[in-house]
Amino acid sequence: MDGTFAYLALGALVMNVSMVTGLRPLVLPVTADSFTVASITADRVGETAVLHVSREIKQPIVMEFTMRVMAVKSDGLHQVCTAHGGPYEYQPGSVLPDPLTLDWWTDGGCKTIPPGPVRIVTTWSPDNHALKPITVITEVEG
C-alpha cells in the first residue's frame, strides 16, 4: 500500500466517522439563528433609560446596527435621535455592560430622552445580505 492510498483511506475514514458521530465542521456557516434576540425591555431612569437585553450569539457574525429613539406624541412619533455603527463582529460569550445604559446602547448617539413615552427601534443588519435584518421595538414608559 503506497502513502497516497493510505492518506486517502484515512481521510475517508475520518469523513465517515464525522458523519456517523455528528461532529461539526471546523467552519460553521452563518445562519439566520446565529444571532437571536428574545427580548429587550427598558426602564426610565431620570432623563435616560436602562435596557435589559436577552440575546444569544451562537457563532461569530458581522453586523451593523441602527437605533432610532422616538417620542410618542398624540400626533405620532417624533424622532429624538439616531445612532448607527459597525460593521462589528458579534462573538459568542460577549457580555453586555451592567447597567446597560441608553448612552452605551446607542454608541453615544442618545444620552437622554424626553419626558413621556419613548420608542427605541433597534435593527441589526447582517453583513451577509442573504440574512434578513433583525428589528426589535422597545417601549419606555413616561
N, C-alpha and C. Protein backbone atom coordinates (compact mmCIF):
# COMPACT_ATOMS: atom_id res chain seq x y z
N MET A 1 0.86 -1.16 0.00
CA MET A 1 0.00 0.00 0.00
C MET A 1 0.91 1.23 0.00
N ASP A 2 0.73 2.13 -0.99
CA ASP A 2 1.59 3.31 -1.02
C ASP A 2 1.01 4.40 -0.12
N GLY A 3 1.82 5.46 0.13
CA GLY A 3 1.44 6.53 1.06
C GLY A 3 0.21 7.30 0.63
N THR A 4 0.01 7.50 -0.68
CA THR A 4 -1.14 8.26 -1.17
C THR A 4 -2.43 7.52 -0.86
N PHE A 5 -2.43 6.21 -1.10
CA PHE A 5 -3.63 5.43 -0.83
C PHE A 5 -3.95 5.44 0.66
N ALA A 6 -2.93 5.28 1.50
CA ALA A 6 -3.14 5.28 2.95
C ALA A 6 -3.70 6.63 3.41
N TYR A 7 -3.19 7.72 2.85
CA TYR A 7 -3.66 9.06 3.20
C TYR A 7 -5.13 9.23 2.79
N LEU A 8 -5.48 8.80 1.59
CA LEU A 8 -6.86 8.91 1.12
C LEU A 8 -7.79 8.02 1.93
N ALA A 9 -7.33 6.83 2.28
CA ALA A 9 -8.15 5.92 3.09
C ALA A 9 -8.40 6.52 4.47
N LEU A 10 -7.37 7.11 5.07
CA LEU A 10 -7.52 7.75 6.38
C LEU A 10 -8.51 8.91 6.29
N GLY A 11 -8.41 9.71 5.23
CA GLY A 11 -9.35 10.82 5.03
C GLY A 11 -10.77 10.34 4.90
N ALA A 12 -10.99 9.27 4.16
CA ALA A 12 -12.34 8.71 4.00
C ALA A 12 -12.86 8.19 5.34
N LEU A 13 -12.00 7.56 6.12
CA LEU A 13 -12.41 7.06 7.43
C LEU A 13 -12.83 8.22 8.34
N VAL A 14 -12.04 9.28 8.37
CA VAL A 14 -12.37 10.45 9.20
C VAL A 14 -13.70 11.06 8.76
N MET A 15 -13.94 11.17 7.45
CA MET A 15 -15.20 11.72 6.93
C MET A 15 -16.37 10.85 7.39
N ASN A 16 -16.23 9.52 7.28
CA ASN A 16 -17.32 8.62 7.69
C ASN A 16 -17.58 8.71 9.19
N VAL A 17 -16.54 8.76 10.00
CA VAL A 17 -16.71 8.89 11.45
C VAL A 17 -17.40 10.21 11.76
N SER A 18 -17.02 11.29 11.08
CA SER A 18 -17.65 12.59 11.30
C SER A 18 -19.13 12.55 10.98
N MET A 19 -19.49 11.88 9.89
CA MET A 19 -20.89 11.84 9.50
C MET A 19 -21.70 10.98 10.48
N VAL A 20 -21.11 9.89 10.95
CA VAL A 20 -21.82 8.99 11.86
C VAL A 20 -21.95 9.62 13.24
N THR A 21 -20.90 10.25 13.74
CA THR A 21 -20.92 10.80 15.10
C THR A 21 -21.52 12.19 15.16
N GLY A 22 -21.72 12.82 14.02
CA GLY A 22 -22.32 14.15 14.01
C GLY A 22 -21.35 15.25 14.38
N LEU A 23 -20.06 15.02 14.24
CA LEU A 23 -19.11 16.09 14.52
C LEU A 23 -19.34 17.26 13.58
N ARG A 24 -19.20 18.46 14.12
CA ARG A 24 -19.43 19.66 13.31
C ARG A 24 -18.17 20.01 12.53
N PRO A 25 -18.31 20.60 11.36
CA PRO A 25 -17.14 21.04 10.63
C PRO A 25 -16.45 22.16 11.40
N LEU A 26 -15.18 22.42 11.09
CA LEU A 26 -14.43 23.46 11.78
C LEU A 26 -14.97 24.85 11.48
N VAL A 27 -15.46 25.08 10.28
CA VAL A 27 -16.01 26.38 9.91
C VAL A 27 -17.51 26.25 9.77
N LEU A 28 -18.26 26.96 10.62
CA LEU A 28 -19.71 26.88 10.58
C LEU A 28 -20.27 27.97 9.67
N PRO A 29 -21.25 27.64 8.86
CA PRO A 29 -21.86 28.67 8.04
C PRO A 29 -22.70 29.61 8.91
N VAL A 30 -22.69 30.89 8.58
CA VAL A 30 -23.51 31.85 9.31
C VAL A 30 -24.96 31.66 8.88
N THR A 31 -25.84 31.45 9.85
CA THR A 31 -27.24 31.20 9.54
C THR A 31 -28.12 32.23 10.24
N ALA A 32 -29.40 32.19 9.93
CA ALA A 32 -30.35 33.15 10.50
C ALA A 32 -30.43 33.03 12.01
N ASP A 33 -30.11 31.87 12.57
CA ASP A 33 -30.18 31.76 14.04
C ASP A 33 -28.82 31.94 14.71
N SER A 34 -27.84 32.49 13.99
CA SER A 34 -26.53 32.78 14.57
C SER A 34 -26.64 33.83 15.67
N PHE A 35 -27.60 34.74 15.53
CA PHE A 35 -27.80 35.84 16.47
C PHE A 35 -29.30 35.96 16.69
N THR A 36 -29.76 35.72 17.90
CA THR A 36 -31.19 35.84 18.19
C THR A 36 -31.39 36.78 19.37
N VAL A 37 -32.49 37.50 19.34
CA VAL A 37 -32.86 38.39 20.43
C VAL A 37 -34.22 37.93 20.95
N ALA A 38 -34.25 37.49 22.21
CA ALA A 38 -35.51 37.04 22.81
C ALA A 38 -36.33 38.24 23.24
N SER A 39 -35.67 39.25 23.84
CA SER A 39 -36.42 40.43 24.29
C SER A 39 -35.48 41.58 24.63
N ILE A 40 -36.03 42.77 24.54
CA ILE A 40 -35.38 43.98 25.04
C ILE A 40 -36.45 44.77 25.77
N THR A 41 -36.20 45.06 27.04
CA THR A 41 -37.11 45.91 27.81
C THR A 41 -36.27 47.08 28.34
N ALA A 42 -36.97 48.12 28.79
CA ALA A 42 -36.25 49.30 29.28
C ALA A 42 -37.01 49.92 30.44
N ASP A 43 -36.24 50.47 31.38
CA ASP A 43 -36.79 51.22 32.50
C ASP A 43 -36.28 52.65 32.39
N ARG A 44 -37.18 53.60 32.58
CA ARG A 44 -36.78 55.01 32.61
C ARG A 44 -36.03 55.25 33.92
N VAL A 45 -34.89 55.91 33.80
CA VAL A 45 -34.10 56.32 34.96
C VAL A 45 -33.76 57.78 34.76
N GLY A 46 -34.55 58.66 35.38
CA GLY A 46 -34.34 60.09 35.20
C GLY A 46 -34.59 60.48 33.75
N GLU A 47 -33.58 61.08 33.13
CA GLU A 47 -33.70 61.54 31.74
C GLU A 47 -33.13 60.54 30.74
N THR A 48 -32.94 59.30 31.16
CA THR A 48 -32.42 58.29 30.25
C THR A 48 -33.13 56.96 30.51
N ALA A 49 -32.60 55.89 29.97
CA ALA A 49 -33.19 54.57 30.16
C ALA A 49 -32.09 53.55 30.38
N VAL A 50 -32.43 52.50 31.11
CA VAL A 50 -31.56 51.34 31.29
C VAL A 50 -32.25 50.18 30.60
N LEU A 51 -31.51 49.48 29.75
CA LEU A 51 -32.08 48.39 28.96
C LEU A 51 -31.74 47.03 29.57
N HIS A 52 -32.62 46.07 29.31
CA HIS A 52 -32.43 44.68 29.74
C HIS A 52 -32.58 43.84 28.48
N VAL A 53 -31.48 43.25 28.05
CA VAL A 53 -31.44 42.55 26.76
C VAL A 53 -31.21 41.06 26.98
N SER A 54 -32.06 40.25 26.36
CA SER A 54 -31.89 38.81 26.34
C SER A 54 -31.58 38.42 24.90
N ARG A 55 -30.31 38.09 24.65
CA ARG A 55 -29.89 37.74 23.29
C ARG A 55 -28.97 36.54 23.37
N GLU A 56 -28.80 35.88 22.22
CA GLU A 56 -27.87 34.77 22.13
C GLU A 56 -27.08 34.90 20.84
N ILE A 57 -25.77 34.81 20.97
CA ILE A 57 -24.87 34.82 19.81
C ILE A 57 -24.30 33.41 19.73
N LYS A 58 -24.75 32.64 18.75
CA LYS A 58 -24.36 31.23 18.67
C LYS A 58 -23.04 31.02 17.95
N GLN A 59 -22.69 31.95 17.08
CA GLN A 59 -21.41 31.88 16.37
C GLN A 59 -21.08 33.28 15.88
N PRO A 60 -19.82 33.57 15.57
CA PRO A 60 -19.46 34.92 15.14
C PRO A 60 -20.29 35.36 13.93
N ILE A 61 -20.73 36.61 13.98
CA ILE A 61 -21.50 37.18 12.88
C ILE A 61 -21.18 38.67 12.78
N VAL A 62 -20.99 39.15 11.58
CA VAL A 62 -20.68 40.56 11.34
C VAL A 62 -21.97 41.28 10.99
N MET A 63 -22.24 42.37 11.74
CA MET A 63 -23.47 43.13 11.53
C MET A 63 -23.23 44.61 11.79
N GLU A 64 -24.08 45.42 11.18
CA GLU A 64 -24.17 46.84 11.52
C GLU A 64 -25.41 47.00 12.38
N PHE A 65 -25.47 48.11 13.14
CA PHE A 65 -26.67 48.36 13.92
C PHE A 65 -27.18 49.77 13.65
N THR A 66 -28.47 49.95 13.79
CA THR A 66 -29.12 51.26 13.71
C THR A 66 -30.12 51.33 14.85
N MET A 67 -30.10 52.46 15.55
CA MET A 67 -31.09 52.70 16.59
C MET A 67 -31.79 54.02 16.31
N ARG A 68 -33.09 54.02 16.49
CA ARG A 68 -33.88 55.24 16.38
C ARG A 68 -34.64 55.39 17.68
N VAL A 69 -34.54 56.55 18.29
CA VAL A 69 -35.27 56.83 19.51
C VAL A 69 -36.32 57.87 19.15
N MET A 70 -37.60 57.54 19.45
CA MET A 70 -38.70 58.42 19.06
C MET A 70 -39.62 58.69 20.24
N ALA A 71 -40.01 59.96 20.39
CA ALA A 71 -41.00 60.33 21.38
C ALA A 71 -42.38 59.97 20.83
N VAL A 72 -43.22 59.38 21.67
CA VAL A 72 -44.57 59.01 21.27
C VAL A 72 -45.50 60.16 21.68
N LYS A 73 -46.01 60.88 20.68
CA LYS A 73 -46.90 62.04 20.92
C LYS A 73 -48.29 61.73 20.37
N SER A 74 -49.25 62.56 20.71
CA SER A 74 -50.62 62.33 20.26
C SER A 74 -50.74 62.41 18.74
N ASP A 75 -49.86 63.16 18.08
CA ASP A 75 -49.92 63.27 16.62
C ASP A 75 -48.96 62.33 15.90
N GLY A 76 -48.32 61.43 16.65
CA GLY A 76 -47.44 60.45 16.01
C GLY A 76 -46.07 60.38 16.67
N LEU A 77 -45.14 59.75 16.00
CA LEU A 77 -43.79 59.57 16.51
C LEU A 77 -42.90 60.72 16.07
N HIS A 78 -42.13 61.25 17.01
CA HIS A 78 -41.18 62.33 16.72
C HIS A 78 -39.78 61.82 17.01
N GLN A 79 -38.93 61.79 15.98
CA GLN A 79 -37.58 61.27 16.15
C GLN A 79 -36.79 62.18 17.08
N VAL A 80 -36.19 61.58 18.10
CA VAL A 80 -35.38 62.31 19.07
C VAL A 80 -33.91 62.24 18.67
N CYS A 81 -33.44 61.03 18.34
CA CYS A 81 -32.05 60.85 17.94
C CYS A 81 -31.89 59.51 17.23
N THR A 82 -30.76 59.37 16.56
CA THR A 82 -30.44 58.11 15.88
C THR A 82 -28.98 57.76 16.15
N ALA A 83 -28.67 56.51 15.96
CA ALA A 83 -27.29 56.04 16.07
C ALA A 83 -27.08 54.94 15.05
N HIS A 84 -25.88 54.89 14.51
CA HIS A 84 -25.54 53.87 13.53
C HIS A 84 -24.08 53.48 13.76
N GLY A 85 -23.79 52.19 13.67
CA GLY A 85 -22.42 51.74 13.88
C GLY A 85 -22.14 50.43 13.20
N GLY A 86 -20.87 50.16 13.11
CA GLY A 86 -20.43 48.90 12.54
C GLY A 86 -19.83 49.08 11.17
N PRO A 87 -19.49 48.02 10.54
CA PRO A 87 -19.78 46.64 10.94
C PRO A 87 -18.91 46.19 12.11
N TYR A 88 -19.54 45.42 13.01
CA TYR A 88 -18.88 44.82 14.16
C TYR A 88 -19.04 43.31 14.08
N GLU A 89 -18.05 42.60 14.61
CA GLU A 89 -18.16 41.15 14.70
C GLU A 89 -18.69 40.80 16.08
N TYR A 90 -19.91 40.29 16.13
CA TYR A 90 -20.52 39.86 17.38
C TYR A 90 -20.02 38.45 17.69
N GLN A 91 -19.54 38.23 18.90
CA GLN A 91 -18.91 36.97 19.29
C GLN A 91 -19.71 36.24 20.37
N PRO A 92 -19.79 34.91 20.30
CA PRO A 92 -20.40 34.15 21.40
C PRO A 92 -19.65 34.47 22.69
N GLY A 93 -20.38 34.52 23.78
CA GLY A 93 -19.77 34.79 25.07
C GLY A 93 -19.59 36.27 25.38
N SER A 94 -19.94 37.15 24.44
CA SER A 94 -19.84 38.59 24.69
C SER A 94 -20.81 38.98 25.79
N VAL A 95 -20.35 39.81 26.71
CA VAL A 95 -21.16 40.23 27.84
C VAL A 95 -21.49 41.71 27.70
N LEU A 96 -22.75 42.05 27.89
CA LEU A 96 -23.18 43.44 27.85
C LEU A 96 -22.87 44.10 29.19
N PRO A 97 -22.66 45.43 29.20
CA PRO A 97 -22.37 46.10 30.47
C PRO A 97 -23.56 46.07 31.41
N ASP A 98 -23.26 46.24 32.70
CA ASP A 98 -24.32 46.28 33.71
C ASP A 98 -24.04 47.48 34.62
N PRO A 99 -24.86 48.51 34.56
CA PRO A 99 -26.12 48.61 33.82
C PRO A 99 -25.87 48.91 32.35
N LEU A 100 -26.82 48.52 31.53
CA LEU A 100 -26.79 48.75 30.10
C LEU A 100 -27.56 50.05 29.82
N THR A 101 -26.82 51.14 29.70
CA THR A 101 -27.44 52.45 29.55
C THR A 101 -27.81 52.73 28.09
N LEU A 102 -28.76 53.63 27.90
CA LEU A 102 -29.13 54.06 26.55
C LEU A 102 -27.94 54.69 25.85
N ASP A 103 -27.13 55.43 26.57
CA ASP A 103 -25.93 56.06 26.01
C ASP A 103 -25.01 54.99 25.41
N TRP A 104 -24.78 53.89 26.14
CA TRP A 104 -23.92 52.82 25.63
C TRP A 104 -24.60 52.12 24.45
N TRP A 105 -25.90 51.82 24.60
CA TRP A 105 -26.65 51.08 23.58
C TRP A 105 -26.63 51.81 22.25
N THR A 106 -26.67 53.14 22.29
CA THR A 106 -26.70 53.93 21.06
C THR A 106 -25.31 54.44 20.67
N ASP A 107 -24.28 53.85 21.27
CA ASP A 107 -22.90 54.21 20.95
C ASP A 107 -22.67 55.72 21.11
N GLY A 108 -23.26 56.30 22.17
CA GLY A 108 -23.11 57.72 22.46
C GLY A 108 -24.05 58.62 21.68
N GLY A 109 -24.91 58.05 20.85
CA GLY A 109 -25.78 58.85 19.99
C GLY A 109 -27.00 59.42 20.69
N CYS A 110 -27.42 58.82 21.80
CA CYS A 110 -28.62 59.27 22.52
C CYS A 110 -28.36 59.16 24.02
N LYS A 111 -28.00 60.24 24.63
CA LYS A 111 -27.70 60.23 26.06
C LYS A 111 -28.95 60.42 26.91
N THR A 112 -29.91 61.20 26.40
CA THR A 112 -31.12 61.48 27.18
C THR A 112 -32.36 61.26 26.32
N ILE A 113 -33.50 61.14 27.00
CA ILE A 113 -34.78 61.02 26.32
C ILE A 113 -35.74 62.06 26.92
N PRO A 114 -36.71 62.50 26.13
CA PRO A 114 -37.65 63.49 26.64
C PRO A 114 -38.66 62.85 27.59
N PRO A 115 -39.36 63.68 28.37
CA PRO A 115 -40.43 63.14 29.22
C PRO A 115 -41.51 62.49 28.36
N GLY A 116 -42.25 61.57 28.96
CA GLY A 116 -43.32 60.90 28.23
C GLY A 116 -42.84 59.60 27.63
N PRO A 117 -43.77 58.87 27.00
CA PRO A 117 -43.40 57.58 26.41
C PRO A 117 -42.42 57.74 25.24
N VAL A 118 -41.53 56.77 25.14
CA VAL A 118 -40.49 56.78 24.10
C VAL A 118 -40.41 55.38 23.50
N ARG A 119 -40.13 55.32 22.20
CA ARG A 119 -39.95 54.05 21.49
C ARG A 119 -38.51 53.98 20.99
N ILE A 120 -37.86 52.86 21.26
CA ILE A 120 -36.50 52.61 20.76
C ILE A 120 -36.59 51.49 19.74
N VAL A 121 -36.17 51.76 18.52
CA VAL A 121 -36.18 50.76 17.46
C VAL A 121 -34.73 50.39 17.16
N THR A 122 -34.39 49.13 17.42
CA THR A 122 -33.03 48.64 17.20
C THR A 122 -33.05 47.66 16.05
N THR A 123 -32.18 47.88 15.06
CA THR A 123 -32.08 46.97 13.91
C THR A 123 -30.62 46.55 13.73
N TRP A 124 -30.42 45.24 13.65
CA TRP A 124 -29.11 44.69 13.30
C TRP A 124 -29.21 44.21 11.85
N SER A 125 -28.26 44.62 11.03
CA SER A 125 -28.23 44.22 9.61
C SER A 125 -26.99 43.37 9.37
N PRO A 126 -27.17 42.07 9.14
CA PRO A 126 -26.02 41.20 8.89
C PRO A 126 -25.26 41.61 7.64
N ASP A 127 -23.94 41.46 7.70
CA ASP A 127 -23.09 41.74 6.56
C ASP A 127 -23.40 40.78 5.42
N ASN A 128 -23.85 39.58 5.76
CA ASN A 128 -24.28 38.60 4.78
C ASN A 128 -25.70 38.99 4.36
N HIS A 129 -25.83 39.58 3.19
CA HIS A 129 -27.12 40.12 2.74
C HIS A 129 -28.18 39.04 2.45
N ALA A 130 -27.77 37.77 2.50
CA ALA A 130 -28.75 36.70 2.34
C ALA A 130 -29.58 36.54 3.62
N LEU A 131 -29.08 37.09 4.74
CA LEU A 131 -29.80 37.02 6.00
C LEU A 131 -30.61 38.30 6.20
N LYS A 132 -31.79 38.14 6.78
CA LYS A 132 -32.67 39.30 6.99
C LYS A 132 -32.24 40.09 8.21
N PRO A 133 -32.46 41.41 8.19
CA PRO A 133 -32.18 42.23 9.39
C PRO A 133 -33.11 41.80 10.53
N ILE A 134 -32.64 42.07 11.74
CA ILE A 134 -33.40 41.78 12.95
C ILE A 134 -33.78 43.12 13.57
N THR A 135 -35.07 43.35 13.77
CA THR A 135 -35.55 44.60 14.36
C THR A 135 -36.34 44.29 15.61
N VAL A 136 -36.04 45.04 16.69
CA VAL A 136 -36.75 44.91 17.94
C VAL A 136 -37.20 46.30 18.38
N ILE A 137 -38.49 46.41 18.75
CA ILE A 137 -39.05 47.67 19.22
C ILE A 137 -39.22 47.59 20.73
N THR A 138 -38.69 48.60 21.43
CA THR A 138 -38.75 48.65 22.87
C THR A 138 -39.49 49.90 23.31
N GLU A 139 -40.46 49.75 24.18
CA GLU A 139 -41.24 50.88 24.68
C GLU A 139 -40.69 51.28 26.06
N VAL A 140 -40.52 52.59 26.26
CA VAL A 140 -40.11 53.13 27.54
C VAL A 140 -41.28 53.98 28.04
N GLU A 141 -41.78 53.65 29.22
CA GLU A 141 -42.92 54.39 29.77
C GLU A 141 -42.47 55.78 30.20
N GLY A 142 -43.45 56.70 30.15
CA GLY A 142 -43.19 58.09 30.50
C GLY A 142 -43.23 58.25 31.96
